[in-house]
N, C-alpha and C. Protein backbone atom coordinates (compact mmCIF):
# COMPACT_ATOMS: atom_id res chain seq x y z
N UNK A 1 1.05 -0.93 -0.25
CA UNK A 1 -0.38 0.07 -0.42
C UNK A 1 0.38 1.71 -0.15
N UNK A 2 0.22 2.27 -0.96
CA UNK A 2 0.66 3.63 -0.97
C UNK A 2 0.76 4.27 0.71
N UNK A 3 1.24 5.64 0.90
CA UNK A 3 0.95 6.42 2.05
C UNK A 3 -0.81 6.89 1.62
N UNK A 4 -1.16 7.02 0.80
CA UNK A 4 -2.50 7.56 0.50
C UNK A 4 -3.39 6.74 0.86
N UNK A 5 -2.88 5.38 0.57
CA UNK A 5 -3.56 4.18 0.86
C UNK A 5 -4.00 3.61 2.66
N UNK A 6 -2.70 3.99 2.89
CA UNK A 6 -2.59 3.50 4.40
C UNK A 6 -3.44 5.19 4.89
N UNK A 7 -3.64 5.73 5.06
CA UNK A 7 -4.22 6.77 5.12
C UNK A 7 -5.70 7.27 5.16
N UNK A 8 -6.03 6.58 4.87
CA UNK A 8 -7.52 6.23 3.61
C UNK A 8 -7.84 4.53 4.66
N UNK A 9 -7.09 3.56 4.72
CA UNK A 9 -6.79 2.32 5.91
C UNK A 9 -7.56 2.82 7.32
N UNK A 10 -6.83 3.78 7.74
CA UNK A 10 -6.25 4.58 9.04
C UNK A 10 -7.68 5.21 9.44
N UNK A 11 -8.01 5.31 8.49
CA UNK A 11 -9.51 6.35 8.52
C UNK A 11 -9.79 6.09 8.49
N UNK A 12 -10.34 4.69 7.86
CA UNK A 12 -11.48 4.17 7.81
C UNK A 12 -11.90 2.83 8.92
N UNK A 13 -10.67 1.89 9.35
CA UNK A 13 -11.33 0.98 10.44
C UNK A 13 -10.69 2.20 12.25
N UNK A 14 -11.37 1.78 12.72
CA UNK A 14 -11.11 2.24 14.62
C UNK A 14 -10.74 2.08 15.06
N UNK A 15 -9.96 0.27 15.59
CA UNK A 15 -9.71 -0.77 16.13
C UNK A 15 -8.20 -1.57 15.64
N UNK A 16 -7.40 -1.34 17.00
CA UNK A 16 -5.98 -2.41 15.92
C UNK A 16 -5.49 -2.53 17.67
N UNK A 17 -4.21 -3.32 17.37
CA UNK A 17 -3.44 -3.74 18.54
C UNK A 17 -2.49 -3.19 18.51
N UNK A 18 -1.79 -2.31 20.49
CA UNK A 18 -0.42 -1.55 20.38
C UNK A 18 -0.36 -2.29 20.68
N UNK A 19 1.35 -2.71 20.45
CA UNK A 19 1.87 -3.56 21.12
C UNK A 19 2.84 -2.74 21.60
N UNK A 20 3.24 -2.81 23.15
CA UNK A 20 4.23 -1.66 24.47
C UNK A 20 5.16 -2.79 25.11
N UNK A 21 6.44 -2.25 25.05
CA UNK A 21 7.27 -2.84 25.67
C UNK A 21 6.71 -3.73 27.05
N UNK A 22 8.04 -4.79 26.95
CA UNK A 22 7.13 -5.49 28.84
C UNK A 22 8.92 -5.82 28.71
N UNK A 23 8.53 -7.05 29.84
CA UNK A 23 10.45 -7.52 30.49
C UNK A 23 10.46 -8.05 29.29
N UNK A 24 9.81 -9.66 29.12
CA UNK A 24 10.39 -10.69 28.10
C UNK A 24 9.89 -10.25 27.23
N UNK A 25 8.30 -10.32 26.86
CA UNK A 25 7.94 -10.46 25.42
C UNK A 25 6.68 -9.21 25.28
N UNK A 26 6.39 -8.29 24.46
CA UNK A 26 5.94 -7.53 24.06
C UNK A 26 4.34 -7.72 24.88
N UNK A 27 3.65 -6.81 25.02
CA UNK A 27 2.56 -6.95 25.99
C UNK A 27 1.21 -5.76 24.86
N UNK A 28 0.71 -6.39 23.78
CA UNK A 28 -0.50 -6.45 23.46
C UNK A 28 -1.67 -6.11 23.74
N UNK A 29 -2.61 -5.32 22.98
CA UNK A 29 -4.05 -5.02 23.78
C UNK A 29 -4.35 -4.33 22.59
N UNK A 30 -5.67 -5.14 22.59
CA UNK A 30 -6.57 -4.39 21.19
C UNK A 30 -6.31 -2.91 21.42
N UNK A 31 -7.14 -1.69 21.30
CA UNK A 31 -7.21 -0.76 21.43
C UNK A 31 -8.84 -0.41 20.03
N UNK A 32 -9.17 1.05 20.38
CA UNK A 32 -10.10 2.00 19.72
C UNK A 32 -9.06 2.89 19.51
N UNK A 33 -9.14 3.05 18.10
CA UNK A 33 -7.71 4.90 17.42
C UNK A 33 -8.67 5.69 16.88
N UNK A 34 -8.69 7.15 17.07
CA UNK A 34 -8.55 7.98 15.67
C UNK A 34 -7.36 8.17 15.20
N UNK A 35 -7.68 8.17 13.61
CA UNK A 35 -6.52 9.28 13.62
C UNK A 35 -7.31 10.18 12.58
N UNK A 36 -5.63 11.20 12.70
CA UNK A 36 -5.64 12.50 12.20
C UNK A 36 -6.05 12.54 11.25
N UNK A 37 -5.36 11.69 10.17
CA UNK A 37 -5.22 12.02 8.88
C UNK A 37 -4.05 12.43 7.72
N UNK A 38 -2.95 12.68 9.16
CA UNK A 38 -1.90 13.01 7.89
C UNK A 38 -1.01 11.71 9.09
N UNK A 39 -0.26 12.06 9.63
CA UNK A 39 0.25 11.29 10.89
C UNK A 39 0.23 10.82 12.52
N UNK A 40 -1.02 11.10 13.47
CA UNK A 40 -0.19 10.64 14.12
C UNK A 40 -2.07 9.71 15.04
N UNK A 41 -2.08 8.84 15.67
CA UNK A 41 -3.04 8.60 15.98
C UNK A 41 -3.42 8.31 17.27
N UNK A 42 -4.13 8.37 17.29
CA UNK A 42 -4.99 9.14 19.32
C UNK A 42 -5.93 7.93 19.95
N UNK A 43 -5.40 7.72 21.31
CA UNK A 43 -6.05 5.89 22.28
C UNK A 43 -6.90 7.07 23.15
N UNK A 44 -7.71 6.24 23.87
CA UNK A 44 -8.29 6.86 25.06
C UNK A 44 -8.53 5.98 26.12
N UNK A 45 -7.93 5.80 26.76
CA UNK A 45 -7.52 4.65 28.12
C UNK A 45 -8.28 5.04 28.75
N UNK A 46 -9.30 4.03 29.45
CA UNK A 46 -10.23 3.53 30.05
C UNK A 46 -9.84 3.00 31.48
N UNK A 47 -9.16 3.61 32.39
CA UNK A 47 -8.59 3.10 33.84
C UNK A 47 -9.33 3.06 34.69
N UNK A 48 -9.45 1.50 35.23
CA UNK A 48 -9.91 0.34 35.96
C UNK A 48 -8.84 -0.05 37.25
N UNK A 49 -9.95 0.02 38.31
CA UNK A 49 -9.15 -0.30 39.61
C UNK A 49 -7.60 0.33 40.25
N UNK A 50 -7.34 0.16 40.77
CA UNK A 50 -6.16 0.71 41.24
C UNK A 50 -4.79 0.74 40.28
N UNK A 51 -4.18 -0.38 39.66
CA UNK A 51 -3.40 -0.15 38.48
C UNK A 51 -3.57 -0.30 37.56
N UNK A 52 -3.27 -0.59 36.35
CA UNK A 52 -2.81 -0.43 34.61
C UNK A 52 -1.34 -1.52 34.51
N UNK A 53 -1.46 -1.94 34.03
CA UNK A 53 -0.15 -2.59 33.36
C UNK A 53 0.20 -1.52 31.74
N UNK A 54 -0.87 -2.06 30.95
CA UNK A 54 -1.17 -0.58 30.12
C UNK A 54 -1.12 0.35 30.37
N UNK A 55 -1.26 1.16 31.60
CA UNK A 55 -0.72 2.36 31.99
C UNK A 55 0.64 2.69 32.02
N UNK A 56 1.17 1.21 33.14
CA UNK A 56 1.73 1.52 33.69
C UNK A 56 3.28 1.22 32.32
N UNK A 57 3.10 0.71 31.57
CA UNK A 57 3.77 0.19 30.26
C UNK A 57 4.37 1.17 29.32
N UNK A 58 2.93 1.93 28.86
CA UNK A 58 2.77 3.09 27.98
C UNK A 58 3.58 4.03 29.06
N UNK A 59 4.02 4.25 29.97
CA UNK A 59 4.73 5.47 30.74
C UNK A 59 6.69 5.14 30.47
N UNK A 60 6.61 3.29 30.62
CA UNK A 60 8.32 3.17 30.28
C UNK A 60 8.66 2.85 28.82
N UNK A 61 7.61 2.59 27.84
CA UNK A 61 7.89 2.92 26.52
C UNK A 61 8.19 3.80 25.77
N UNK A 62 9.36 3.93 25.40
CA UNK A 62 10.56 4.73 24.62
C UNK A 62 9.08 4.50 23.58
N UNK A 63 9.36 3.10 22.38
CA UNK A 63 8.53 3.20 20.99
C UNK A 63 7.95 1.98 21.05
N UNK A 64 6.58 2.23 20.57
CA UNK A 64 5.19 0.88 20.44
C UNK A 64 5.23 1.10 18.80
N UNK A 65 4.41 -0.21 19.12
CA UNK A 65 4.06 -0.47 17.46
C UNK A 65 2.79 -0.53 18.32
N UNK A 66 1.84 -0.54 16.83
CA UNK A 66 1.05 -0.11 16.22
C UNK A 66 -0.11 -1.40 14.89
N UNK A 67 -0.87 -1.93 15.40
CA UNK A 67 -1.08 -3.09 14.22
C UNK A 67 -2.57 -2.98 13.73
N UNK A 68 -2.97 -2.18 12.90
CA UNK A 68 -4.66 -2.42 12.28
C UNK A 68 -4.63 -3.10 10.79
N UNK A 69 -5.47 -4.42 10.90
CA UNK A 69 -5.93 -5.04 9.68
C UNK A 69 -7.11 -5.16 9.67
N UNK A 70 -7.53 -5.84 8.66
CA UNK A 70 -8.70 -6.90 7.87
C UNK A 70 -9.37 -7.62 7.40
N UNK A 71 -9.15 -8.92 7.70
CA UNK A 71 -9.82 -10.19 7.26
C UNK A 71 -10.76 -10.44 6.22
N UNK A 72 -10.97 -9.57 5.68
CA UNK A 72 -12.66 -10.26 4.70
C UNK A 72 -12.81 -11.84 4.70
N UNK A 73 -11.12 -12.04 3.92
CA UNK A 73 -11.71 -14.45 3.31
C UNK A 73 -9.63 -14.11 3.72
N UNK A 74 -9.57 -15.69 3.01
CA UNK A 74 -8.37 -15.61 3.54
C UNK A 74 -7.76 -15.34 1.65
N UNK A 75 -8.32 -14.72 1.22
CA UNK A 75 -8.66 -14.48 0.06
C UNK A 75 -7.75 -12.28 -0.07
N UNK A 76 -9.23 -11.87 0.48
CA UNK A 76 -8.76 -10.46 0.84
C UNK A 76 -8.65 -9.94 2.32
N UNK A 77 -7.54 -9.47 2.14
CA UNK A 77 -7.56 -8.75 3.73
C UNK A 77 -6.22 -7.52 3.23
N UNK A 78 -6.21 -6.91 4.47
CA UNK A 78 -5.48 -5.55 4.54
C UNK A 78 -4.80 -5.06 6.24
N UNK A 79 -3.38 -5.05 5.77
CA UNK A 79 -3.20 -4.27 7.06
C UNK A 79 -2.02 -2.96 6.74
N UNK A 80 -1.90 -2.66 8.49
CA UNK A 80 -0.97 -1.50 8.60
C UNK A 80 -0.27 -2.14 9.73
N UNK A 81 1.01 -1.78 9.12
CA UNK A 81 1.69 -1.44 10.97
C UNK A 81 2.46 -0.12 11.74
N UNK A 82 2.09 0.38 12.81
CA UNK A 82 3.30 1.71 12.30
C UNK A 82 4.20 1.97 14.21
N UNK A 83 5.64 1.86 13.49
CA UNK A 83 6.34 2.41 14.41
C UNK A 83 6.24 3.77 14.60
N UNK A 84 6.37 4.22 16.59
CA UNK A 84 6.31 5.04 16.10
C UNK A 84 5.68 5.61 18.15
N UNK A 85 6.15 6.75 18.49
CA UNK A 85 6.60 6.79 20.11
C UNK A 85 4.77 7.34 20.78
N UNK A 86 5.12 7.11 21.86
CA UNK A 86 3.03 7.20 22.53
C UNK A 86 3.88 8.85 23.70
N UNK A 87 2.57 9.34 23.46
CA UNK A 87 2.80 10.14 24.57
C UNK A 87 1.64 10.66 24.99
N UNK A 88 1.39 11.05 26.43
CA UNK A 88 -0.20 11.67 27.01
C UNK A 88 -0.45 13.18 26.54
N UNK A 89 -1.36 13.16 26.51
CA UNK A 89 -1.85 13.96 26.18
C UNK A 89 -2.36 15.51 27.27
N UNK A 90 -2.39 16.84 26.78
CA UNK A 90 -2.69 17.54 27.72
C UNK A 90 -4.24 18.09 27.46
N UNK A 91 -4.34 18.34 28.10
CA UNK A 91 -6.18 19.38 27.66
C UNK A 91 -6.50 19.91 26.94
N UNK A 92 -5.27 20.62 25.95
CA UNK A 92 -5.43 21.55 24.79
C UNK A 92 -5.50 20.73 24.10
N UNK A 93 -5.17 19.47 23.98
CA UNK A 93 -5.72 17.91 22.78
C UNK A 93 -6.09 17.68 22.92
N UNK A 94 -7.39 17.66 23.57
CA UNK A 94 -8.55 16.67 23.92
C UNK A 94 -9.01 17.71 22.01
N UNK A 95 -9.75 18.27 22.67
CA UNK A 95 -10.88 18.11 21.10
C UNK A 95 -10.21 18.05 20.13
N UNK A 96 -9.15 17.44 19.88
CA UNK A 96 -8.04 16.99 18.74
C UNK A 96 -8.47 15.62 18.79
N UNK A 97 -8.30 14.97 19.42
CA UNK A 97 -8.47 13.42 20.08
C UNK A 97 -10.01 13.40 19.79
N UNK A 98 -11.03 13.81 20.74
CA UNK A 98 -12.24 14.47 20.64
C UNK A 98 -12.68 13.87 18.53
N UNK A 99 -12.44 14.80 18.06
CA UNK A 99 -11.98 14.74 16.66
C UNK A 99 -11.89 13.07 16.32
N UNK A 100 -10.97 12.99 16.35
CA UNK A 100 -10.09 11.94 15.24
C UNK A 100 -10.46 10.58 15.74
N UNK A 101 -11.75 10.57 16.78
CA UNK A 101 -11.99 8.94 17.69
C UNK A 101 -13.48 8.90 17.25
N UNK A 102 -13.81 10.11 15.86
CA UNK A 102 -15.17 9.41 15.66
C UNK A 102 -15.50 8.77 14.47
N UNK A 103 -14.24 8.68 14.16
CA UNK A 103 -14.08 6.82 13.97
C UNK A 103 -13.89 4.95 14.50
N UNK A 104 -13.69 5.43 15.62
CA UNK A 104 -13.42 5.12 16.87
C UNK A 104 -14.09 3.53 16.64
N UNK A 105 -13.67 2.33 17.20
CA UNK A 105 -15.27 1.16 17.69
C UNK A 105 -15.61 1.04 18.78
N UNK A 106 -16.24 1.09 18.98
CA UNK A 106 -16.56 1.34 21.11
C UNK A 106 -16.76 0.26 21.03
N UNK A 107 -16.89 -0.71 22.27
CA UNK A 107 -17.80 -2.00 22.93
C UNK A 107 -18.86 -0.91 23.80
N UNK A 108 -19.45 -2.43 24.16
CA UNK A 108 -20.61 -1.81 25.10
C UNK A 108 -20.11 -2.44 26.67
N UNK A 109 -18.91 -3.52 26.47
CA UNK A 109 -18.50 -4.16 27.34
C UNK A 109 -18.33 -3.48 28.68
N UNK A 110 -18.00 -2.11 28.79
CA UNK A 110 -17.54 -1.00 29.75
C UNK A 110 -18.62 -0.38 30.40
N UNK A 111 -19.71 -0.37 30.19
CA UNK A 111 -21.63 -0.35 30.52
C UNK A 111 -21.13 -0.52 32.07
N UNK A 112 -20.70 -2.25 31.74
CA UNK A 112 -21.27 -3.00 32.93
C UNK A 112 -20.22 -3.07 33.43
N UNK A 113 -18.49 -2.47 33.20
CA UNK A 113 -17.59 -2.46 33.44
C UNK A 113 -17.16 -2.02 35.44
N UNK A 114 -16.61 -2.32 36.64
CA UNK A 114 -16.27 -2.08 37.56
C UNK A 114 -16.10 0.16 37.06
N UNK A 115 -16.39 0.62 38.17
CA UNK A 115 -16.65 1.30 38.02
C UNK A 115 -15.08 2.15 37.20
N UNK A 116 -14.87 3.41 36.24
CA UNK A 116 -13.22 3.79 36.02
C UNK A 116 -12.36 4.91 37.29
N UNK A 117 -11.64 4.74 37.34
CA UNK A 117 -11.04 5.59 37.93
C UNK A 117 -10.50 7.22 37.31
N UNK A 118 -10.53 6.29 36.60
CA UNK A 118 -10.38 7.93 34.90
C UNK A 118 -9.69 7.71 33.56
N UNK A 119 -9.78 8.71 32.65
CA UNK A 119 -9.35 8.00 31.13
C UNK A 119 -8.23 9.07 30.90
N UNK A 120 -7.00 8.52 30.13
CA UNK A 120 -6.31 9.49 29.81
C UNK A 120 -5.94 9.49 27.91
N UNK A 121 -5.79 9.98 27.73
CA UNK A 121 -5.16 10.26 25.69
C UNK A 121 -4.25 10.41 25.44
N UNK A 122 -4.33 9.69 24.42
CA UNK A 122 -2.45 9.03 24.04
C UNK A 122 -2.44 10.02 22.66
N UNK A 123 -1.27 10.30 22.17
CA UNK A 123 -0.80 10.64 20.91
C UNK A 123 -0.02 9.66 19.77
N UNK A 124 -0.47 8.75 19.37
CA UNK A 124 1.15 7.60 19.00
C UNK A 124 1.51 8.44 17.26
N UNK A 125 2.73 8.92 17.88
CA UNK A 125 3.12 9.51 16.40
C UNK A 125 4.09 8.86 15.56
N UNK A 126 3.80 8.68 14.03
CA UNK A 126 4.40 7.58 14.08
C UNK A 126 5.21 8.37 12.93
N UNK A 127 6.67 7.17 13.28
CA UNK A 127 7.67 7.91 12.60
C UNK A 127 8.10 6.91 11.17
N UNK A 128 7.09 5.78 11.20
CA UNK A 128 7.56 4.87 10.30
C UNK A 128 6.32 3.57 9.75
N UNK A 129 5.28 3.44 9.03
CA UNK A 129 4.73 2.51 8.56
C UNK A 129 4.57 1.88 7.18
N UNK A 130 3.73 0.82 7.18
CA UNK A 130 3.91 0.09 6.04
C UNK A 130 2.75 -0.40 6.16
N UNK A 131 2.27 -0.91 5.18
CA UNK A 131 1.03 -1.31 4.33
C UNK A 131 0.91 -1.89 2.80
N UNK A 132 0.13 -3.41 3.47
CA UNK A 132 0.02 -4.52 3.04
C UNK A 132 -1.59 -4.56 2.29
N UNK A 133 -1.83 -5.57 1.07
CA UNK A 133 -2.86 -5.59 1.04
C UNK A 133 -3.19 -7.30 -0.17
N UNK A 134 -3.79 -8.00 0.13
CA UNK A 134 -4.72 -8.64 -0.81
C UNK A 134 -4.91 -9.07 -1.38
N UNK A 135 -5.62 -9.01 -2.45
CA UNK A 135 -6.88 -9.57 -3.30
C UNK A 135 -8.04 -8.35 -2.61
N UNK A 136 -7.37 -7.41 -2.33
CA UNK A 136 -8.62 -6.75 -2.23
C UNK A 136 -8.24 -5.31 -3.07
N UNK A 137 -9.44 -5.28 -3.74
CA UNK A 137 -9.27 -4.47 -4.81
C UNK A 137 -9.40 -2.78 -4.42
N UNK A 138 -8.66 -2.46 -5.19
CA UNK A 138 -8.66 -0.80 -4.43
C UNK A 138 -9.32 0.72 -5.69
């Protein structure tokens, strides 16, 4: 996929897998995301309980990897992998985050979960990406 194809794919998808540094192996977590159409991906972490492994590893991880895929069948699939840096966003960036999260996938699982202790927003600045597609008509 070329850069424009990657941008279109990230704009239309709303969920992917974030891989953070772990002690022995990467810690992978599915996350809803928003894409700004250029080179930043936004995440919202819903924080439950007193501790969050995802939150702690995000603070410790310098670079992370994000994977987005769509497998319609074994003969039609697309994927985009991106490497970059994660940074917690400040209050001044919440407007941008909310705009990009319009296409994000949202589970109703959280409606029945324990009470949240907070919400954090993160920006993933893409340093490099690549996309592959097979059997998908452009």
